[in-house]
C-alpha atoms as a PDB file:
ATOM      1  CA  MET A   1      -0.211  -0.187  -0.406  1.00  0.00           C
ATOM      2  CA  GLN A   2       1.199   3.418  -1.267  1.00  0.00           C
ATOM      3  CA  VAL A   3       1.450   6.042   2.062  1.00  0.00           C
ATOM      4  CA  THR A   4      -1.476   8.738   1.176  1.00  0.00           C
ATOM      5  CA  ALA A   5      -2.055  12.120   1.275  1.00  0.00           C
ATOM      6  CA  MET A   6      -4.255  11.725   4.240  1.00  0.00           C
ATOM      7  CA  GLN A   7      -1.666   9.189   5.848  1.00  0.00           C
ATOM      8  CA  VAL A   8       0.478  12.057   5.763  1.00  0.00           C
ATOM      9  CA  THR A   9      -1.922  14.746   6.782  1.00  0.00           C
ATOM     10  CA  ASP A  10      -2.471  12.413   9.703  1.00  0.00           C
ATOM     11  CA  ILE A  11       1.063  12.103  10.905  1.00  0.00           C
ATOM     12  CA  VAL A  12       1.651  16.083  10.503  1.00  0.00           C
ATOM     13  CA  ARG A  13      -1.635  16.768  12.552  1.00  0.00           C
ATOM     14  CA  GLU A  14      -0.176  14.753  15.204  1.00  0.00           C
ATOM     15  CA  VAL A  15       2.925  16.285  15.620  1.00  0.00           C
ATOM     16  CA  TRP A  16       1.614  19.319  15.543  1.00  0.00           C
ATOM     17  CA  GLN A  17      -1.137  19.586  18.175  1.00  0.00           C
ATOM     18  CA  THR A  18       1.667  17.037  20.199  1.00  0.00           C
ATOM     19  CA  PHE A  19       4.569  19.760  20.316  1.00  0.00           C
ATOM     20  CA  LEU A  20       2.543  23.369  18.879  1.00  0.00           C
ATOM     21  CA  MET A  21      -1.354  22.542  20.295  1.00  0.00           C
ATOM     22  CA  ILE A  22      -2.615  23.957  16.749  1.00  0.00           C
ATOM     23  CA  ASP A  23      -4.618  21.508  14.181  1.00  0.00           C
ATOM     24  CA  VAL A  24      -3.847  21.041  10.743  1.00  0.00           C
ATOM     25  CA  GLU A  25      -6.080  20.932   7.616  1.00  0.00           C
ATOM     26  CA  GLN A  26      -6.125  20.062   4.101  1.00  0.00           C
ATOM     27  CA  PRO A  27      -6.917  23.249   1.922  1.00  0.00           C
ATOM     28  CA  PRO A  28     -10.384  23.609   1.004  1.00  0.00           C
ATOM     29  CA  THR A  29      -8.970  24.045  -2.532  1.00  0.00           C
ATOM     30  CA  LYS A  30      -5.908  23.329  -4.400  1.00  0.00           C
ATOM     31  CA  VAL A  31      -3.746  26.002  -3.428  1.00  0.00           C
ATOM     32  CA  ASN A  32       0.417  27.182  -4.800  1.00  0.00           C
ATOM     33  CA  THR A  33       3.409  26.620  -2.646  1.00  0.00           C
ATOM     34  CA  PRO A  34       4.764  29.134  -0.829  1.00  0.00           C
ATOM     35  CA  LEU A  35       7.144  31.167  -2.846  1.00  0.00           C
ATOM     36  CA  GLY A  36       9.217  33.866  -1.797  1.00  0.00           C
ATOM     37  CA  GLY A  37      10.566  34.302   1.794  1.00  0.00           C
ATOM     38  CA  SER A  38      10.001  30.766   2.990  1.00  0.00           C
ATOM     39  CA  VAL A  39      11.818  28.334   4.999  1.00  0.00           C
ATOM     40  CA  ALA A  40      12.631  24.841   4.200  1.00  0.00           C
ATOM     41  CA  SER A  41      13.639  21.692   6.493  1.00  0.00           C
ATOM     42  CA  PHE A  42      14.690  18.641   4.524  1.00  0.00           C
ATOM     43  CA  ILE A  43      15.682  14.958   6.362  1.00  0.00           C
ATOM     44  CA  SER A  44      16.423  12.153   4.329  1.00  0.00           C
ATOM     45  CA  MET A  45      16.370   8.471   4.749  1.00  0.00           C
ATOM     46  CA  SER A  46      18.547   5.516   3.801  1.00  0.00           C
ATOM     47  CA  GLY A  47      18.386   1.968   3.645  1.00  0.00           C
ATOM     48  CA  SER A  48      15.319  -0.200   2.850  1.00  0.00           C
ATOM     49  CA  TRP A  49      13.917   3.151   1.751  1.00  0.00           C
ATOM     50  CA  ARG A  50      15.807   6.209   0.297  1.00  0.00           C
ATOM     51  CA  GLY A  51      14.284   9.153  -0.217  1.00  0.00           C
ATOM     52  CA  ILE A  52      13.835  13.059   1.427  1.00  0.00           C
ATOM     53  CA  ILE A  53      11.141  14.234   3.194  1.00  0.00           C
ATOM     54  CA  VAL A  54      10.798  18.210   2.765  1.00  0.00           C
ATOM     55  CA  LEU A  55       8.509  20.625   4.996  1.00  0.00           C
ATOM     56  CA  ARG A  56       7.998  24.236   3.660  1.00  0.00           C
ATOM     57  CA  THR A  57       6.582  27.088   4.672  1.00  0.00           C
ATOM     58  CA  SER A  58       6.745  31.138   4.883  1.00  0.00           C
ATOM     59  CA  ALA A  59       9.128  32.829   6.941  1.00  0.00           C
ATOM     60  CA  THR A  60       6.881  33.973   8.877  1.00  0.00           C
ATOM     61  CA  HIS A  61       4.943  31.020   9.508  1.00  0.00           C
ATOM     62  CA  ALA A  62       8.418  29.509  10.944  1.00  0.00           C
ATOM     63  CA  ARG A  63       8.736  32.110  13.412  1.00  0.00           C
ATOM     64  CA  THR A  64       5.082  31.391  15.246  1.00  0.00           C
ATOM     65  CA  LEU A  65       5.787  27.934  14.809  1.00  0.00           C
ATOM     66  CA  ALA A  66       9.239  28.554  16.628  1.00  0.00           C
ATOM     67  CA  SER A  67       7.372  30.798  19.250  1.00  0.00           C
ATOM     68  CA  ARG A  68       5.166  28.289  19.718  1.00  0.00           C
ATOM     69  CA  MET A  69       6.891  25.651  20.474  1.00  0.00           C
ATOM     70  CA  LEU A  70       9.913  27.069  22.944  1.00  0.00           C
ATOM     71  CA  GLU A  71       7.291  29.142  24.255  1.00  0.00           C
ATOM     72  CA  ILE A  72       8.728  32.346  22.952  1.00  0.00           C
ATOM     73  CA  GLU A  73       7.970  35.578  22.339  1.00  0.00           C
ATOM     74  CA  ASP A  74       8.442  36.209  18.469  1.00  0.00           C
ATOM     75  CA  PRO A  75      10.942  39.249  18.904  1.00  0.00           C
ATOM     76  CA  ASP A  76      12.597  37.185  21.210  1.00  0.00           C
ATOM     77  CA  LEU A  77      13.728  34.747  18.952  1.00  0.00           C
ATOM     78  CA  CYS A  78      16.810  33.986  17.231  1.00  0.00           C
ATOM     79  CA  ALA A  79      17.367  32.420  13.480  1.00  0.00           C
ATOM     80  CA  ASP A  80      19.081  29.322  15.695  1.00  0.00           C
ATOM     81  CA  ASP A  81      15.620  29.079  17.319  1.00  0.00           C
ATOM     82  CA  VAL A  82      13.579  28.783  14.287  1.00  0.00           C
ATOM     83  CA  GLN A  83      16.172  26.358  12.664  1.00  0.00           C
ATOM     84  CA  ASP A  84      15.803  24.109  15.614  1.00  0.00           C
ATOM     85  CA  VAL A  85      12.366  24.145  15.431  1.00  0.00           C
ATOM     86  CA  LEU A  86      11.895  23.357  11.953  1.00  0.00           C
ATOM     87  CA  GLY A  87      14.430  20.739  11.994  1.00  0.00           C
ATOM     88  CA  GLU A  88      12.474  18.858  15.010  1.00  0.00           C
ATOM     89  CA  LEU A  89       9.387  18.959  13.128  1.00  0.00           C
ATOM     90  CA  ILE A  90      10.481  17.738  10.058  1.00  0.00           C
ATOM     91  CA  ASN A  91      12.626  14.946  12.063  1.00  0.00           C
ATOM     92  CA  CYS A  92       9.359  14.080  13.921  1.00  0.00           C
ATOM     93  CA  VAL A  93       7.433  13.829  10.833  1.00  0.00           C
ATOM     94  CA  GLY A  94      10.011  11.999   8.833  1.00  0.00           C
ATOM     95  CA  GLY A  95      10.041   9.253  12.743  1.00  0.00           C
ATOM     96  CA  ASN A  96       6.525   8.862  11.965  1.00  0.00           C
ATOM     97  CA  LEU A  97       6.916   8.052   8.440  1.00  0.00           C
ATOM     98  CA  GLN A  98       9.889   5.910   9.182  1.00  0.00           C
ATOM     99  CA  GLU A  99       7.547   3.803  11.025  1.00  0.00           C
ATOM    100  CA  MET A 100       5.701   2.908   8.047  1.00  0.00           C
ATOM    101  CA  ILE A 101       8.467   1.556   5.679  1.00  0.00           C
ATOM    102  CA  ALA A 102       8.935  -2.016   5.617  1.00  0.00           C
ATOM    103  CA  GLY A 103      12.465  -3.309   6.442  1.00  0.00           C
ATOM    104  CA  PRO A 104      15.499  -0.840   8.553  1.00  0.00           C
ATOM    105  CA  THR A 105      15.826   2.175   7.212  1.00  0.00           C
ATOM    106  CA  GLN A 106      18.158   5.932   9.373  1.00  0.00           C
ATOM    107  CA  LEU A 107      17.434   9.405   9.270  1.00  0.00           C
ATOM    108  CA  SER A 108      19.494  12.068   8.674  1.00  0.00           C
ATOM    109  CA  MET A 109      20.234  15.323  10.619  1.00  0.00           C
ATOM    110  CA  PRO A 110      17.645  17.944   9.254  1.00  0.00           C
ATOM    111  CA  ILE A 111      18.663  20.684   7.034  1.00  0.00           C
ATOM    112  CA  VAL A 112      17.109  24.120   7.421  1.00  0.00           C
ATOM    113  CA  ILE A 113      17.531  26.904   4.273  1.00  0.00           C
ATOM    114  CA  GLU A 114      15.620  29.925   4.280  1.00  0.00           C
ATOM    115  CA  GLY A 115      15.849  32.815   1.783  1.00  0.00           C
ATOM    116  CA  ALA A 116      13.674  35.002  -0.275  1.00  0.00           C
ATOM    117  CA  SER A 117      14.979  33.004  -3.599  1.00  0.00           C
ATOM    118  CA  TYR A 118      16.692  29.291  -3.388  1.00  0.00           C
ATOM    119  CA  ASP A 119      16.143  26.522  -5.762  1.00  0.00           C
ATOM    120  CA  VAL A 120      16.123  23.041  -4.427  1.00  0.00           C
ATOM    121  CA  ALA A 121      17.713  20.027  -7.163  1.00  0.00           C
ATOM    122  CA  LEU A 122      17.228  16.670  -5.874  1.00  0.00           C
ATOM    123  CA  PRO A 123      19.224  14.725  -7.955  1.00  0.00           C
ATOM    124  CA  ARG A 124      18.171  11.234  -9.228  1.00  0.00           C
ATOM    125  CA  GLU A 125      14.859  11.779  -6.976  1.00  0.00           C
ATOM    126  CA  GLN A 126      11.567  12.095  -7.902  1.00  0.00           C
ATOM    127  CA  VAL A 127       9.014  13.808  -6.187  1.00  0.00           C
ATOM    128  CA  PHE A 128       5.850  11.573  -5.785  1.00  0.00           C
ATOM    129  CA  LEU A 129       3.985  13.109  -3.100  1.00  0.00           C
ATOM    130  CA  THR A 130       3.114  16.360  -2.013  1.00  0.00           C
ATOM    131  CA  VAL A 131       0.529  17.385   0.670  1.00  0.00           C
ATOM    132  CA  PRO A 132      -0.143  20.716   0.951  1.00  0.00           C
ATOM    133  CA  LEU A 133      -1.842  21.487   4.465  1.00  0.00           C
ATOM    134  CA  ILE A 134      -3.149  24.539   6.298  1.00  0.00           C
ATOM    135  CA  SER A 135      -1.257  25.478   9.555  1.00  0.00           C
ATOM    136  CA  ASP A 136      -2.785  27.816  12.153  1.00  0.00           C
ATOM    137  CA  GLY A 137      -4.344  29.723   8.799  1.00  0.00           C
ATOM    138  CA  GLN A 138      -0.641  29.502   7.216  1.00  0.00           C
ATOM    139  CA  LEU A 139       0.595  27.391   4.119  1.00  0.00           C
ATOM    140  CA  ILE A 140       2.646  24.508   4.374  1.00  0.00           C
ATOM    141  CA  ASP A 141       3.942  21.882   2.603  1.00  0.00           C
ATOM    142  CA  ILE A 142       5.162  18.344   2.926  1.00  0.00           C
ATOM    143  CA  THR A 143       6.959  16.601  -0.260  1.00  0.00           C
ATOM    144  CA  ILE A 144       8.383  13.054  -0.091  1.00  0.00           C
ATOM    145  CA  ALA A 145      10.653  12.461  -2.956  1.00  0.00           C
ATOM    146  CA  SER A 146      12.533   9.055  -3.841  1.00  0.00           C
ATOM    147  CA  GLN A 147      14.566   7.337  -6.865  1.00  0.00           C
ATOM    148  CA  ASN A 148      12.232   4.661  -6.624  1.00  0.00           C
ATOM    149  CA  GLU A 149       8.404   4.775  -4.563  1.00  0.00           C
ATOM    150  CA  GLU A 150       7.831   1.704  -5.155  1.00  0.00           C
ATOM    151  CA  LEU A 151       9.990   0.934  -1.891  1.00  0.00           C
ATOM    152  CA  PHE A 152       7.792   3.198   0.286  1.00  0.00           C
ATOM    153  CA  ARG A 153       5.338   0.927   1.531  1.00  0.00           C
ATOM    154  CA  CYS A 154       3.399   0.565   4.582  1.00  0.00           C
ATOM    155  CA  ALA A 155       4.703  -1.771   7.143  1.00  0.00           C
ATOM    156  CA  SER A 156       2.079  -4.950   7.476  1.00  0.00           C
END
């Protein structure tokens, strides 16, 4: 069975409710991914499944998430706080996805990038699932890319 957008939504919802105490929902209509001033956190998985999981949101929303998770007012946040929180969130999402994979896998350390304009190249990787979600009224998206999506199977 392939991992579905609903399963990814459920994982993100659980992580957001646990760490941020906010809900996540699917947008009512198709939305464009955030472009300018965005933050992306990445985690890769190796082993029986190899691929990359990416979380993207606006820089403003990333600060809001960091403020909520760390219980620090926004003006007191530093860039490291935002990067740490986005790295921890993608690590938790990746860890939950890892539990669904049949066979041993390992997660990398998360990587976080921020900017008004950047390109992400995933050589040899193909995006096979992007899930746009609404978090606290703001857009986030989760993308899963791999060389072989057939290896991404739910554990029985």
